[in-house]
Structure formats: C-alpha cells, structure tokens
PDB file of N, CA and C in Angstrom:
ATOM      1  N   MET A   1      93.650 172.176  65.113  1.00  0.00           N
ATOM      2  CA  MET A   1      94.984 172.658  65.347  1.00  0.00           C
ATOM      3  C   MET A   1      95.260 172.479  66.813  1.00  0.00           C
ATOM      4  N   THR A   2      96.419 172.001  67.279  1.00  0.00           N
ATOM      5  CA  THR A   2      96.805 171.790  68.665  1.00  0.00           C
ATOM      6  C   THR A   2      97.314 173.155  68.934  1.00  0.00           C
ATOM      7  N   ASP A   3      97.459 173.308  70.422  1.00  0.00           N
ATOM      8  CA  ASP A   3      97.945 174.537  71.056  1.00  0.00           C
ATOM      9  C   ASP A   3      99.498 174.726  70.580  1.00  0.00           C
ATOM     10  N   SER A   4     100.122 173.551  70.390  1.00  0.00           N
ATOM     11  CA  SER A   4     101.443 173.838  69.847  1.00  0.00           C
ATOM     12  C   SER A   4     101.574 174.238  68.550  1.00  0.00           C
ATOM     13  N   GLU A   5     100.747 173.821  67.571  1.00  0.00           N
ATOM     14  CA  GLU A   5     100.630 174.176  66.305  1.00  0.00           C
ATOM     15  C   GLU A   5     100.237 175.838  66.073  1.00  0.00           C
ATOM     16  N   LEU A   6      99.232 176.037  66.834  1.00  0.00           N
ATOM     17  CA  LEU A   6      98.836 177.503  66.969  1.00  0.00           C
ATOM     18  C   LEU A   6      99.995 178.391  67.575  1.00  0.00           C
ATOM     19  N   ASP A   7     100.633 177.935  68.472  1.00  0.00           N
ATOM     20  CA  ASP A   7     101.866 178.759  68.956  1.00  0.00           C
ATOM     21  C   ASP A   7     102.842 178.912  67.868  1.00  0.00           C
ATOM     22  N   ALA A   8     103.034 177.761  67.080  1.00  0.00           N
ATOM     23  CA  ALA A   8     104.057 177.826  66.064  1.00  0.00           C
ATOM     24  C   ALA A   8     103.671 178.832  64.922  1.00  0.00           C
ATOM     25  N   VAL A   9     102.344 178.828  64.544  1.00  0.00           N
ATOM     26  CA  VAL A   9     101.883 179.718  63.489  1.00  0.00           C
ATOM     27  C   VAL A   9     101.873 181.083  63.889  1.00  0.00           C
ATOM     28  N   TYR A  10     101.427 181.411  65.081  1.00  0.00           N
ATOM     29  CA  TYR A  10     101.447 182.728  65.668  1.00  0.00           C
ATOM     30  C   TYR A  10     102.901 183.230  65.693  1.00  0.00           C
ATOM     31  N   THR A  11     103.888 182.495  66.244  1.00  0.00           N
ATOM     32  CA  THR A  11     105.379 182.883  66.259  1.00  0.00           C
ATOM     33  C   THR A  11     105.839 183.162  64.756  1.00  0.00           C
ATOM     34  N   ARG A  12     105.553 182.459  63.844  1.00  0.00           N
ATOM     35  CA  ARG A  12     105.911 182.682  62.480  1.00  0.00           C
ATOM     36  C   ARG A  12     105.268 183.904  62.016  1.00  0.00           C
ATOM     37  N   LEU A  13     104.084 184.137  62.276  1.00  0.00           N
ATOM     38  CA  LEU A  13     103.301 185.336  61.852  1.00  0.00           C
ATOM     39  C   LEU A  13     104.001 186.602  62.462  1.00  0.00           C
ATOM     40  N   CYS A  14     104.471 186.526  63.722  1.00  0.00           N
ATOM     41  CA  CYS A  14     105.045 187.588  64.320  1.00  0.00           C
ATOM     42  C   CYS A  14     106.499 187.829  63.733  1.00  0.00           C
ATOM     43  N   LYS A  15     107.291 186.853  63.537  1.00  0.00           N
ATOM     44  CA  LYS A  15     108.497 186.901  62.960  1.00  0.00           C
ATOM     45  C   LYS A  15     108.538 187.445  61.525  1.00  0.00           C
ATOM     46  N   THR A  16     107.599 187.098  60.922  1.00  0.00           N
ATOM     47  CA  THR A  16     107.426 187.479  59.426  1.00  0.00           C
ATOM     48  C   THR A  16     107.279 188.977  59.438  1.00  0.00           C
ATOM     49  N   MET A  17     106.238 189.381  60.343  1.00  0.00           N
ATOM     50  CA  MET A  17     105.916 190.843  60.409  1.00  0.00           C
ATOM     51  C   MET A  17     107.199 191.626  60.802  1.00  0.00           C
ATOM     52  N   THR A  18     107.889 191.113  61.774  1.00  0.00           N
ATOM     53  CA  THR A  18     109.233 191.771  62.179  1.00  0.00           C
ATOM     54  C   THR A  18     110.109 191.853  61.081  1.00  0.00           C
ATOM     55  N   ASN A  19     110.318 190.766  60.278  1.00  0.00           N
ATOM     56  CA  ASN A  19     111.243 190.875  59.203  1.00  0.00           C
ATOM     57  C   ASN A  19     110.780 191.807  58.084  1.00  0.00           C
ATOM     58  N   LEU A  20     109.638 192.000  57.985  1.00  0.00           N
ATOM     59  CA  LEU A  20     109.043 192.845  56.821  1.00  0.00           C
ATOM     60  C   LEU A  20     109.172 194.379  57.340  1.00  0.00           C
ATOM     61  N   GLY A  21     109.176 194.496  58.686  1.00  0.00           N
ATOM     62  CA  GLY A  21     109.208 195.848  59.036  1.00  0.00           C
ATOM     63  C   GLY A  21     107.896 196.463  59.409  1.00  0.00           C
ATOM     64  N   GLU A  22     107.863 197.466  60.344  1.00  0.00           N
ATOM     65  CA  GLU A  22     106.659 198.005  60.844  1.00  0.00           C
ATOM     66  C   GLU A  22     105.868 198.614  59.809  1.00  0.00           C
ATOM     67  N   ALA A  23     106.358 199.284  58.846  1.00  0.00           N
ATOM     68  CA  ALA A  23     105.690 199.944  57.717  1.00  0.00           C
ATOM     69  C   ALA A  23     104.998 198.942  56.838  1.00  0.00           C
ATOM     70  N   ASN A  24     105.491 197.700  56.702  1.00  0.00           N
ATOM     71  CA  ASN A  24     104.846 196.740  55.846  1.00  0.00           C
ATOM     72  C   ASN A  24     103.901 195.853  56.512  1.00  0.00           C
ATOM     73  N   ALA A  25     103.914 195.831  57.935  1.00  0.00           N
ATOM     74  CA  ALA A  25     103.016 194.883  58.584  1.00  0.00           C
ATOM     75  C   ALA A  25     101.539 195.068  58.180  1.00  0.00           C
ATOM     76  N   PRO A  26     101.017 196.208  58.228  1.00  0.00           N
ATOM     77  CA  PRO A  26      99.590 196.276  57.947  1.00  0.00           C
ATOM     78  C   PRO A  26      99.312 195.701  56.494  1.00  0.00           C
ATOM     79  N   LEU A  27     100.052 196.121  55.560  1.00  0.00           N
ATOM     80  CA  LEU A  27      99.892 195.456  54.246  1.00  0.00           C
ATOM     81  C   LEU A  27     100.003 193.918  54.244  1.00  0.00           C
ATOM     82  N   PHE A  28     100.953 193.400  54.888  1.00  0.00           N
ATOM     83  CA  PHE A  28     101.026 191.880  55.149  1.00  0.00           C
ATOM     84  C   PHE A  28      99.879 191.340  55.674  1.00  0.00           C
ATOM     85  N   LEU A  29      99.447 191.997  56.732  1.00  0.00           N
ATOM     86  CA  LEU A  29      98.133 191.501  57.558  1.00  0.00           C
ATOM     87  C   LEU A  29      96.888 191.557  56.612  1.00  0.00           C
ATOM     88  N   ALA A  30      96.760 192.501  55.870  1.00  0.00           N
ATOM     89  CA  ALA A  30      95.713 192.659  54.954  1.00  0.00           C
ATOM     90  C   ALA A  30      95.789 191.594  53.826  1.00  0.00           C
ATOM     91  N   ARG A  31      96.905 191.266  53.201  1.00  0.00           N
ATOM     92  CA  ARG A  31      97.091 190.188  52.343  1.00  0.00           C
ATOM     93  C   ARG A  31      96.839 188.925  52.875  1.00  0.00           C
ATOM     94  N   PHE A  32      97.436 188.691  54.030  1.00  0.00           N
ATOM     95  CA  PHE A  32      97.225 187.388  54.871  1.00  0.00           C
ATOM     96  C   PHE A  32      95.675 187.090  55.043  1.00  0.00           C
ATOM     97  N   ALA A  33      94.967 188.245  55.513  1.00  0.00           N
ATOM     98  CA  ALA A  33      93.670 188.001  55.782  1.00  0.00           C
ATOM     99  C   ALA A  33      92.792 187.667  54.583  1.00  0.00           C
ATOM    100  N   LEU A  34      93.085 188.393  53.314  1.00  0.00           N
ATOM    101  CA  LEU A  34      92.435 187.917  52.198  1.00  0.00           C
ATOM    102  C   LEU A  34      92.697 186.455  51.802  1.00  0.00           C
ATOM    103  N   LEU A  35      93.886 186.160  51.956  1.00  0.00           N
ATOM    104  CA  LEU A  35      94.237 184.641  51.703  1.00  0.00           C
ATOM    105  C   LEU A  35      93.435 183.793  52.535  1.00  0.00           C
ATOM    106  N   ALA A  36      93.363 184.173  53.900  1.00  0.00           N
ATOM    107  CA  ALA A  36      92.850 183.198  54.922  1.00  0.00           C
ATOM    108  C   ALA A  36      91.205 183.243  54.630  1.00  0.00           C
ATOM    109  N   VAL A  37      90.562 184.367  54.265  1.00  0.00           N
ATOM    110  CA  VAL A  37      89.177 184.416  54.017  1.00  0.00           C
ATOM    111  C   VAL A  37      88.890 183.514  52.739  1.00  0.00           C
ATOM    112  N   GLN A  38      89.832 183.658  51.771  1.00  0.00           N
ATOM    113  CA  GLN A  38      89.527 182.824  50.482  1.00  0.00           C
ATOM    114  C   GLN A  38      89.643 181.333  50.957  1.00  0.00           C
ATOM    115  N   ARG A  39      90.597 180.831  51.674  1.00  0.00           N
ATOM    116  CA  ARG A  39      90.815 179.474  52.152  1.00  0.00           C
ATOM    117  C   ARG A  39      89.567 178.970  52.942  1.00  0.00           C
ATOM    118  N   ILE A  40      89.075 179.906  53.859  1.00  0.00           N
ATOM    119  CA  ILE A  40      87.971 179.552  54.631  1.00  0.00           C
ATOM    120  C   ILE A  40      86.755 179.228  53.729  1.00  0.00           C
ATOM    121  N   GLY A  41      86.473 180.076  52.829  1.00  0.00           N
ATOM    122  CA  GLY A  41      85.477 179.755  51.741  1.00  0.00           C
ATOM    123  C   GLY A  41      84.142 179.834  52.232  1.00  0.00           C
ATOM    124  N   ASP A  42      83.922 180.545  53.233  1.00  0.00           N
ATOM    125  CA  ASP A  42      82.493 180.680  53.822  1.00  0.00           C
ATOM    126  C   ASP A  42      82.348 182.127  54.289  1.00  0.00           C
ATOM    127  N   ALA A  43      81.572 182.871  53.444  1.00  0.00           N
ATOM    128  CA  ALA A  43      81.319 184.373  53.819  1.00  0.00           C
ATOM    129  C   ALA A  43      80.965 184.599  55.123  1.00  0.00           C
ATOM    130  N   GLN A  44      79.808 183.872  55.691  1.00  0.00           N
ATOM    131  CA  GLN A  44      79.220 184.077  56.938  1.00  0.00           C
ATOM    132  C   GLN A  44      80.274 183.772  57.996  1.00  0.00           C
ATOM    133  N   ALA A  45      81.126 182.697  58.040  1.00  0.00           N
ATOM    134  CA  ALA A  45      82.265 182.458  58.861  1.00  0.00           C
ATOM    135  C   ALA A  45      83.126 183.560  58.985  1.00  0.00           C
ATOM    136  N   ALA A  46      83.644 184.112  57.836  1.00  0.00           N
ATOM    137  CA  ALA A  46      84.663 185.082  57.748  1.00  0.00           C
ATOM    138  C   ALA A  46      83.921 186.391  58.396  1.00  0.00           C
ATOM    139  N   LEU A  47      82.801 186.715  58.140  1.00  0.00           N
ATOM    140  CA  LEU A  47      82.123 187.863  58.651  1.00  0.00           C
ATOM    141  C   LEU A  47      82.049 187.764  60.152  1.00  0.00           C
ATOM    142  N   ASN A  48      81.762 186.608  60.652  1.00  0.00           N
ATOM    143  CA  ASN A  48      81.694 186.347  62.140  1.00  0.00           C
ATOM    144  C   ASN A  48      83.137 186.522  62.728  1.00  0.00           C
ATOM    145  N   LEU A  49      84.117 186.037  62.027  1.00  0.00           N
ATOM    146  CA  LEU A  49      85.449 186.345  62.522  1.00  0.00           C
ATOM    147  C   LEU A  49      85.924 187.758  62.552  1.00  0.00           C
ATOM    148  N   ILE A  50      85.560 188.512  61.486  1.00  0.00           N
ATOM    149  CA  ILE A  50      85.618 189.989  61.595  1.00  0.00           C
ATOM    150  C   ILE A  50      85.083 190.585  62.705  1.00  0.00           C
ATOM    151  N   GLU A  51      83.798 190.263  62.892  1.00  0.00           N
ATOM    152  CA  GLU A  51      83.087 190.778  64.121  1.00  0.00           C
ATOM    153  C   GLU A  51      83.702 190.398  65.415  1.00  0.00           C
ATOM    154  N   ALA A  52      84.234 189.270  65.389  1.00  0.00           N
ATOM    155  CA  ALA A  52      84.732 188.801  66.848  1.00  0.00           C
ATOM    156  C   ALA A  52      86.140 189.508  67.064  1.00  0.00           C
ATOM    157  N   ALA A  53      86.905 189.774  65.978  1.00  0.00           N
ATOM    158  CA  ALA A  53      88.191 190.492  66.045  1.00  0.00           C
ATOM    159  C   ALA A  53      87.998 191.886  66.499  1.00  0.00           C
ATOM    160  N   GLN A  54      86.946 192.532  65.897  1.00  0.00           N
ATOM    161  CA  GLN A  54      86.561 193.780  66.119  1.00  0.00           C
ATOM    162  C   GLN A  54      86.127 194.042  67.590  1.00  0.00           C
ATOM    163  N   GLU A  55      85.277 193.125  68.078  1.00  0.00           N
ATOM    164  CA  GLU A  55      84.843 193.070  69.536  1.00  0.00           C
ATOM    165  C   GLU A  55      86.108 192.989  70.423  1.00  0.00           C
ATOM    166  N   ASP A  56      86.982 192.073  70.114  1.00  0.00           N
ATOM    167  CA  ASP A  56      88.227 191.863  70.777  1.00  0.00           C
ATOM    168  C   ASP A  56      88.985 193.158  70.988  1.00  0.00           C
ATOM    169  N   MET A  57      89.191 193.910  69.752  1.00  0.00           N
ATOM    170  CA  MET A  57      89.896 195.136  69.901  1.00  0.00           C
ATOM    171  C   MET A  57      89.165 196.173  70.655  1.00  0.00           C
ATOM    172  N   GLN A  58      87.827 196.304  70.573  1.00  0.00           N
ATOM    173  CA  GLN A  58      87.079 197.261  71.374  1.00  0.00           C
ATOM    174  C   GLN A  58      87.237 197.048  72.843  1.00  0.00           C
ATOM    175  N   ALA A  59      87.260 195.745  73.095  1.00  0.00           N
ATOM    176  CA  ALA A  59      87.317 195.291  74.595  1.00  0.00           C
ATOM    177  C   ALA A  59      88.624 195.836  75.222  1.00  0.00           C
ATOM    178  N   THR A  60      89.668 195.818  74.358  1.00  0.00           N
ATOM    179  CA  THR A  60      91.006 196.053  75.001  1.00  0.00           C
ATOM    180  C   THR A  60      91.350 197.662  74.937  1.00  0.00           C
ATOM    181  N   GLN A  61      90.421 198.420  74.419  1.00  0.00           N
ATOM    182  CA  GLN A  61      90.718 200.013  74.190  1.00  0.00           C
ATOM    183  C   GLN A  61      90.077 200.705  75.487  1.00  0.00           C
TER     184      GLN A  61
END
C-alpha cells in the first residue's frame, strides 16, 4: 500500500466514524477489527498487531 493509499484509507475510516457518531465509533472499530483479523487470516500476525497497538497506546499515555 502506498502512502497515498494509506492516507485515503485512514481518511475514509475517520469520516466513517464521524458520520456514525461518537457513541457508535467503538462498535464500528470493533467490527472493523474483526473483519480485518479475518482477512489477515494469520492468528500470530493479528496477535502481533494487537500487541503493537497496545504498546503504541501505552507510549502516548
């Protein structure tokens, strides 16, 4: 994925969450995550991504 494509996907993700509203954003992200994990199709890769995301969140707190 190019930087431009990544930016387009991120922008679409943000706009979708905005359109759904703050109350629905966590449920949307959970559903998106499940679909992405299924598409990845590799449990260890998905677990590594979860760990990386958690570490990123802890680093910003």
